[in-house]
């Protein structure tokens, strides 16, 4: 089990590393997105409500937009990478299971790979933000990005095992990620402080980032809420993945062998020791069928032994 898990983890990480388009998005899209979004928003004060504490704080709209822009970019990239990895590996995973791999090892490997990717992308987005804004609570923003990336990695896994085509999956990830992060920013959305946003996946990370960056406070409840979203998506996705995996080769081979083993004293029914009745039934298509229904001619169905032909 340990060897299978190590091999599956290496295969999962290798599949993610070979995704060149994801590397281009990560290295180029994140800083360009910061630059474009930040250049359109001025440094004006905006009211932001911290629902976990019940306080309303005035924050810099430009800096808050950088946080939501970072959330938007990393959620898209993480969801894309995990979704593409899961889709490409489905046929290969089936072959591994049929070859004797345990489904639990593959499921654990996908979970580990998604979490490693989420931590790496979140840390990278937090480092890139230093070129545009150096907040005092950078640790809170880094934790926020990792939490949001983990949530959308689990969502990408869930969508990858549910949808049938790539187009549907990409559309769902784009729409969910863009709407989710856009609605949390009061600069772009006048309804950002409404209670209905508490039911969105990025609500917890946004609250955690704003409290740490502007209010110098760590909201453990918001981090727990984000982890709950991650756990819910991951459990659903892994459950569907397990149900769609084939039966392992060992279990599938054990059932026919035990069912087909002859009992003590029973005559063997192997093809080499078939009875004449069984041989005729197999040749003619089964008992109860007329000789003309088998698709063979009379000469092809009845072949006399060599001794009979020479006599």
Protein backbone atom coordinates (compact mmCIF):
# COMPACT_ATOMS: atom_id res chain seq x y z
CA UNK A 1 0.00 0.00 0.00
CA UNK A 2 2.80 2.44 0.86
CA UNK A 3 4.63 1.77 -2.39
CA UNK A 4 1.43 2.19 -4.40
CA UNK A 5 0.67 5.47 -2.63
CA UNK A 6 4.17 6.86 -3.29
CA UNK A 7 3.99 5.91 -6.95
CA UNK A 8 0.50 7.37 -7.35
CA UNK A 9 1.54 10.65 -5.70
CA UNK A 10 4.52 10.97 -8.03
CA UNK A 11 2.33 10.29 -11.05
CA UNK A 12 -0.24 12.86 -9.91
CA UNK A 13 2.37 15.58 -9.31
CA UNK A 14 4.10 14.75 -12.60
CA UNK A 15 0.83 15.20 -14.45
CA UNK A 16 0.37 18.63 -12.89
CA UNK A 17 3.96 19.72 -13.57
CA UNK A 18 3.70 18.74 -17.25
CA UNK A 19 0.74 21.09 -17.71
CA UNK A 20 2.58 23.89 -19.51
CA UNK A 21 -0.50 26.02 -20.00
CA UNK A 22 -1.00 26.11 -16.24
CA UNK A 23 2.58 27.31 -15.79
CA UNK A 24 1.99 30.10 -18.30
CA UNK A 25 -1.18 31.15 -16.50
CA UNK A 26 0.55 31.07 -13.14
CA UNK A 27 3.65 33.01 -14.16
CA UNK A 28 2.04 35.53 -16.49
CA UNK A 29 -1.65 35.84 -15.70
CA UNK A 30 -1.35 36.52 -11.96
CA UNK A 31 0.91 39.63 -12.17
CA UNK A 32 -0.91 40.95 -15.26
CA UNK A 33 -4.24 40.52 -13.49
CA UNK A 34 -2.93 42.43 -10.47
CA UNK A 35 -1.67 45.21 -12.74
CA UNK A 36 -4.83 45.55 -14.80
CA UNK A 37 -7.32 45.41 -11.93
CA UNK A 38 -5.22 47.58 -9.63
CA UNK A 39 -4.79 50.29 -12.26
CA UNK A 40 -8.55 50.73 -12.60
CA UNK A 41 -9.31 51.22 -8.89
CA UNK A 42 -8.23 54.33 -7.03
CA UNK A 43 -7.15 54.58 -3.41
CA UNK A 44 -10.50 55.56 -1.94
CA UNK A 45 -12.06 54.44 1.31
CA UNK A 46 -14.84 51.87 1.21
CA UNK A 47 -16.91 50.33 3.99
CA UNK A 48 -16.35 46.63 4.54
CA UNK A 49 -18.33 44.62 7.08
CA UNK A 50 -16.58 41.96 9.13
CA UNK A 51 -19.53 39.76 9.98
CA UNK A 52 -17.53 37.51 12.23
CA UNK A 53 -16.91 40.41 14.63
CA UNK A 54 -19.93 42.53 13.75
CA UNK A 55 -17.72 45.54 12.95
CA UNK A 56 -17.69 47.71 9.84
CA UNK A 57 -14.25 48.97 8.90
CA UNK A 58 -13.15 51.49 6.29
CA UNK A 59 -10.56 49.97 4.01
CA UNK A 60 -8.58 51.09 0.99
CA UNK A 61 -10.61 50.11 -2.06
CA UNK A 62 -7.51 49.64 -4.21
CA UNK A 63 -5.88 47.25 -1.76
CA UNK A 64 -9.09 45.32 -1.16
CA UNK A 65 -9.48 44.93 -4.92
CA UNK A 66 -5.97 43.47 -5.09
CA UNK A 67 -7.04 40.82 -2.58
CA UNK A 68 -10.15 39.88 -4.53
CA UNK A 69 -8.17 39.96 -7.80
CA UNK A 70 -5.68 37.53 -6.30
CA UNK A 71 -8.52 35.30 -5.16
CA UNK A 72 -10.07 35.40 -8.62
CA UNK A 73 -6.85 34.43 -10.38
CA UNK A 74 -5.76 31.61 -8.08
CA UNK A 75 -9.21 30.05 -7.89
CA UNK A 76 -9.40 29.94 -11.69
CA UNK A 77 -5.91 28.51 -12.13
CA UNK A 78 -6.22 25.94 -9.35
CA UNK A 79 -9.62 24.78 -10.53
CA UNK A 80 -8.37 24.48 -14.12
CA UNK A 81 -5.24 22.51 -13.23
CA UNK A 82 -6.98 19.99 -10.98
CA UNK A 83 -9.88 19.59 -13.40
CA UNK A 84 -7.56 18.97 -16.36
CA UNK A 85 -5.41 16.55 -14.35
CA UNK A 86 -8.41 14.52 -13.23
CA UNK A 87 -9.88 14.38 -16.73
CA UNK A 88 -6.65 13.25 -18.35
CA UNK A 89 -5.92 10.59 -15.74
CA UNK A 90 -9.34 8.89 -15.67
CA UNK A 91 -8.52 6.22 -18.26
CA UNK A 92 -5.07 5.66 -16.80
CA UNK A 93 -6.52 5.30 -13.29
CA UNK A 94 -8.93 2.64 -14.54
CA UNK A 95 -6.06 0.67 -16.02
CA UNK A 96 -4.11 0.95 -12.77
CA UNK A 97 -7.06 -0.36 -10.76
CA UNK A 98 -7.61 -3.22 -13.18
CA UNK A 99 -3.92 -4.04 -12.86
CA UNK A 100 -4.17 -4.43 -9.11
CA UNK A 101 -3.78 -0.88 -7.73
CA UNK A 102 -5.90 -0.07 -4.75
CA UNK A 103 -8.46 2.70 -5.36
CA UNK A 104 -7.70 4.14 -1.92
CA UNK A 105 -4.09 4.76 -2.96
CA UNK A 106 -5.16 6.66 -6.09
CA UNK A 107 -7.73 8.69 -4.16
CA UNK A 108 -5.22 9.62 -1.47
CA UNK A 109 -2.67 10.55 -4.13
CA UNK A 110 -5.10 12.90 -5.88
CA UNK A 111 -5.94 14.55 -2.56
CA UNK A 112 -2.28 15.08 -1.68
CA UNK A 113 -1.49 16.41 -5.15
CA UNK A 114 -4.35 18.91 -5.05
CA UNK A 115 -3.33 20.18 -1.59
CA UNK A 116 0.33 20.57 -2.57
CA UNK A 117 -0.71 22.50 -5.64
CA UNK A 118 -3.05 24.74 -3.64
CA UNK A 119 -0.33 25.65 -1.14
CA UNK A 120 2.19 26.41 -3.90
CA UNK A 121 -0.18 28.57 -5.95
CA UNK A 122 -1.41 30.45 -2.87
CA UNK A 123 2.12 31.21 -1.72
CA UNK A 124 3.13 32.36 -5.20
CA UNK A 125 0.16 34.74 -5.50
CA UNK A 126 0.98 36.24 -2.09
CA UNK A 127 4.62 36.81 -3.11
CA UNK A 128 3.63 38.48 -6.38
CA UNK A 129 1.36 40.86 -4.46
CA UNK A 130 4.44 42.36 -2.79
CA UNK A 131 5.28 44.10 -6.09
CA UNK A 132 1.98 45.99 -5.94
CA UNK A 133 1.23 46.33 -2.23
CA UNK A 134 3.12 45.45 0.93
CA UNK A 135 0.52 44.91 3.64
CA UNK A 136 1.40 44.54 7.28
CA UNK A 137 -0.70 41.38 7.46
CA UNK A 138 0.87 39.54 4.53
CA UNK A 139 0.61 36.28 6.49
CA UNK A 140 -3.17 36.61 6.52
CA UNK A 141 -3.27 37.13 2.76
CA UNK A 142 -1.00 34.13 2.16
CA UNK A 143 -3.20 31.92 4.34
CA UNK A 144 -6.26 33.28 2.56
CA UNK A 145 -4.92 32.44 -0.87
CA UNK A 146 -3.98 28.92 0.24
CA UNK A 147 -7.44 28.34 1.72
CA UNK A 148 -9.19 29.59 -1.41
CA UNK A 149 -6.90 27.56 -3.67
CA UNK A 150 -7.61 24.42 -1.63
CA UNK A 151 -11.35 25.00 -1.91
CA UNK A 152 -11.25 25.37 -5.68
CA UNK A 153 -8.84 22.47 -6.06
CA UNK A 154 -11.50 20.32 -4.40
CA UNK A 155 -14.15 21.91 -6.62
CA UNK A 156 -12.07 21.16 -9.71
CA UNK A 157 -11.82 17.54 -8.58
CA UNK A 158 -15.59 17.34 -8.08
CA UNK A 159 -16.38 18.87 -11.48
CA UNK A 160 -13.76 16.67 -13.14
CA UNK A 161 -15.49 13.47 -12.05
CA UNK A 162 -19.03 14.73 -12.66
CA UNK A 163 -19.14 16.39 -16.08
CA UNK A 164 -18.70 14.50 -19.34
CA UNK A 165 -16.90 17.13 -21.42
CA UNK A 166 -14.08 19.62 -20.97
CA UNK A 167 -16.15 22.56 -22.20
CA UNK A 168 -18.79 22.09 -19.50
CA UNK A 169 -16.14 21.84 -16.80
CA UNK A 170 -14.25 24.94 -17.90
CA UNK A 171 -17.48 26.93 -18.12
CA UNK A 172 -18.55 25.93 -14.61
CA UNK A 173 -15.18 26.79 -13.09
CA UNK A 174 -15.05 30.19 -14.81
CA UNK A 175 -18.56 31.20 -13.86
CA UNK A 176 -18.38 30.00 -10.26
CA UNK A 177 -14.96 31.51 -9.59
CA UNK A 178 -15.63 34.88 -11.22
CA UNK A 179 -19.05 35.41 -9.65
CA UNK A 180 -17.93 34.15 -6.26
CA UNK A 181 -14.95 36.49 -5.90
CA UNK A 182 -16.59 39.44 -7.68
CA UNK A 183 -19.57 39.56 -5.34
CA UNK A 184 -17.38 39.78 -2.23
CA UNK A 185 -15.84 43.14 -3.16
CA UNK A 186 -17.89 46.21 -2.12
CA UNK A 187 -16.00 48.37 -4.63
CA UNK A 188 -17.52 46.47 -7.56
CA UNK A 189 -20.66 45.15 -5.90
CA UNK A 190 -22.88 47.43 -3.79
CA UNK A 191 -24.45 44.31 -2.22
CA UNK A 192 -21.13 42.92 -0.97
CA UNK A 193 -22.07 43.41 2.68
CA UNK A 194 -25.37 41.54 2.45
CA UNK A 195 -25.96 38.38 4.51
CA UNK A 196 -26.56 36.19 1.44
CA UNK A 197 -22.84 36.19 0.65
CA UNK A 198 -22.18 34.05 3.71
CA UNK A 199 -23.20 31.03 1.61
CA UNK A 200 -20.48 31.54 -1.01
CA UNK A 201 -17.18 29.59 -0.94
CA UNK A 202 -14.91 32.67 -0.97
CA UNK A 203 -16.77 34.41 1.87
CA UNK A 204 -14.56 32.91 4.57
CA UNK A 205 -11.22 33.65 2.83
CA UNK A 206 -12.25 37.23 2.01
CA UNK A 207 -13.29 37.91 5.59
CA UNK A 208 -10.08 36.33 6.89
CA UNK A 209 -7.91 38.43 4.55
CA UNK A 210 -9.68 41.72 5.30
CA UNK A 211 -9.51 41.15 9.06
CA UNK A 212 -5.81 40.29 8.97
CA UNK A 213 -4.71 42.97 6.49
CA UNK A 214 -6.82 45.92 7.67
CA UNK A 215 -7.88 45.05 11.22
CA UNK A 216 -4.84 43.04 12.36
CA UNK A 217 -7.02 40.22 13.61
CA UNK A 218 -7.05 36.50 12.86
CA UNK A 219 -10.53 35.06 12.39
CA UNK A 220 -10.22 31.36 13.06
CA UNK A 221 -13.91 30.79 12.40
CA UNK A 222 -13.56 32.07 8.82
CA UNK A 223 -10.61 29.77 8.20
CA UNK A 224 -12.65 26.85 9.56
CA UNK A 225 -15.55 27.81 7.27
CA UNK A 226 -13.24 27.77 4.26
CA UNK A 227 -11.87 24.36 5.27
CA UNK A 228 -15.44 23.09 5.60
CA UNK A 229 -16.13 24.06 1.98
CA UNK A 230 -12.93 22.29 0.95
CA UNK A 231 -13.85 19.15 2.86
CA UNK A 232 -17.38 19.09 1.42
CA UNK A 233 -16.19 19.42 -2.20
CA UNK A 234 -13.38 16.92 -1.68
CA UNK A 235 -15.56 14.28 -0.03
CA UNK A 236 -18.18 14.54 -2.77
CA UNK A 237 -15.59 14.38 -5.53
CA UNK A 238 -13.68 11.47 -4.00
CA UNK A 239 -16.89 9.55 -3.36
CA UNK A 240 -17.97 9.91 -7.00
CA UNK A 241 -14.46 9.00 -8.14
CA UNK A 242 -14.49 5.85 -6.02
CA UNK A 243 -17.90 4.80 -7.33
CA UNK A 244 -16.79 5.20 -10.94
CA UNK A 245 -13.59 3.22 -10.52
CA UNK A 246 -13.70 -0.42 -11.67
CA UNK A 247 -13.32 -3.32 -9.31
CA UNK A 248 -9.71 -4.19 -8.49
CA UNK A 249 -8.19 -7.00 -10.48
CA UNK A 250 -7.63 -9.23 -7.46
CA UNK A 251 -11.23 -9.12 -6.30
CA UNK A 252 -12.57 -9.52 -9.83
CA UNK A 253 -10.33 -12.52 -10.49
CA UNK A 254 -11.10 -14.21 -7.18
CA UNK A 255 -14.86 -14.40 -7.79
CA UNK A 256 -14.77 -16.28 -11.11
CA UNK A 257 -12.08 -18.67 -9.91
CA UNK A 258 -14.01 -19.58 -6.79
CA UNK A 259 -17.27 -19.87 -8.68
CA UNK A 260 -15.80 -21.93 -11.48
CA UNK A 261 -13.79 -24.37 -9.29
CA UNK A 262 -15.15 -27.94 -9.64
CA UNK A 263 -16.36 -29.59 -6.50
CA UNK A 264 -14.98 -32.88 -5.22
CA UNK A 265 -16.16 -35.78 -7.34
CA UNK A 266 -17.67 -33.55 -10.01
CA UNK A 267 -16.66 -34.19 -13.62
CA UNK A 268 -14.49 -31.63 -15.29
CA UNK A 269 -16.18 -29.36 -17.84
CA UNK A 270 -13.10 -27.80 -19.38
CA UNK A 271 -13.05 -27.36 -23.16
CA UNK A 272 -10.66 -30.29 -23.53
CA UNK A 273 -13.02 -32.71 -21.74
CA UNK A 274 -16.42 -31.65 -23.00
CA UNK A 275 -19.16 -34.18 -23.31
CA UNK A 276 -20.57 -34.82 -26.78
CA UNK A 277 -23.82 -33.11 -25.86
CA UNK A 278 -21.99 -29.99 -24.68
CA UNK A 279 -19.82 -29.95 -27.79
CA UNK A 280 -22.85 -30.19 -30.04
CA UNK A 281 -24.67 -27.51 -28.08
CA UNK A 282 -21.67 -25.18 -28.30
CA UNK A 283 -21.29 -25.78 -32.02
CA UNK A 284 -24.93 -25.48 -32.93
CA UNK A 285 -25.61 -22.48 -30.70
CA UNK A 286 -27.18 -24.24 -27.70
CA UNK A 287 -29.84 -26.82 -27.06
CA UNK A 288 -33.25 -26.32 -28.54
CA UNK A 289 -31.96 -24.68 -31.73
CA UNK A 290 -32.45 -26.23 -35.14
CA UNK A 291 -29.31 -27.12 -37.09
CA UNK A 292 -30.19 -24.59 -39.71
CA UNK A 293 -30.23 -21.72 -37.22
CA UNK A 294 -26.54 -21.81 -36.37
CA UNK A 295 -25.41 -20.15 -39.57
CA UNK A 296 -23.31 -23.19 -40.60
CA UNK A 297 -23.95 -25.67 -43.37
CA UNK A 298 -24.65 -29.30 -42.69
CA UNK A 299 -21.17 -30.30 -43.87
CA UNK A 300 -19.55 -27.74 -41.52
CA UNK A 301 -21.58 -28.84 -38.51
CA UNK A 302 -21.04 -32.59 -38.84
CA UNK A 303 -17.40 -33.46 -39.48
CA UNK A 304 -16.73 -37.21 -39.33
CA UNK A 305 -13.55 -38.39 -37.66
CA UNK A 306 -10.61 -39.33 -39.88
CA UNK A 307 -11.19 -43.06 -39.33
CA UNK A 308 -14.73 -42.83 -40.63
CA UNK A 309 -13.65 -40.89 -43.70
CA UNK A 310 -10.99 -43.41 -44.69
CA UNK A 311 -13.35 -46.38 -44.20
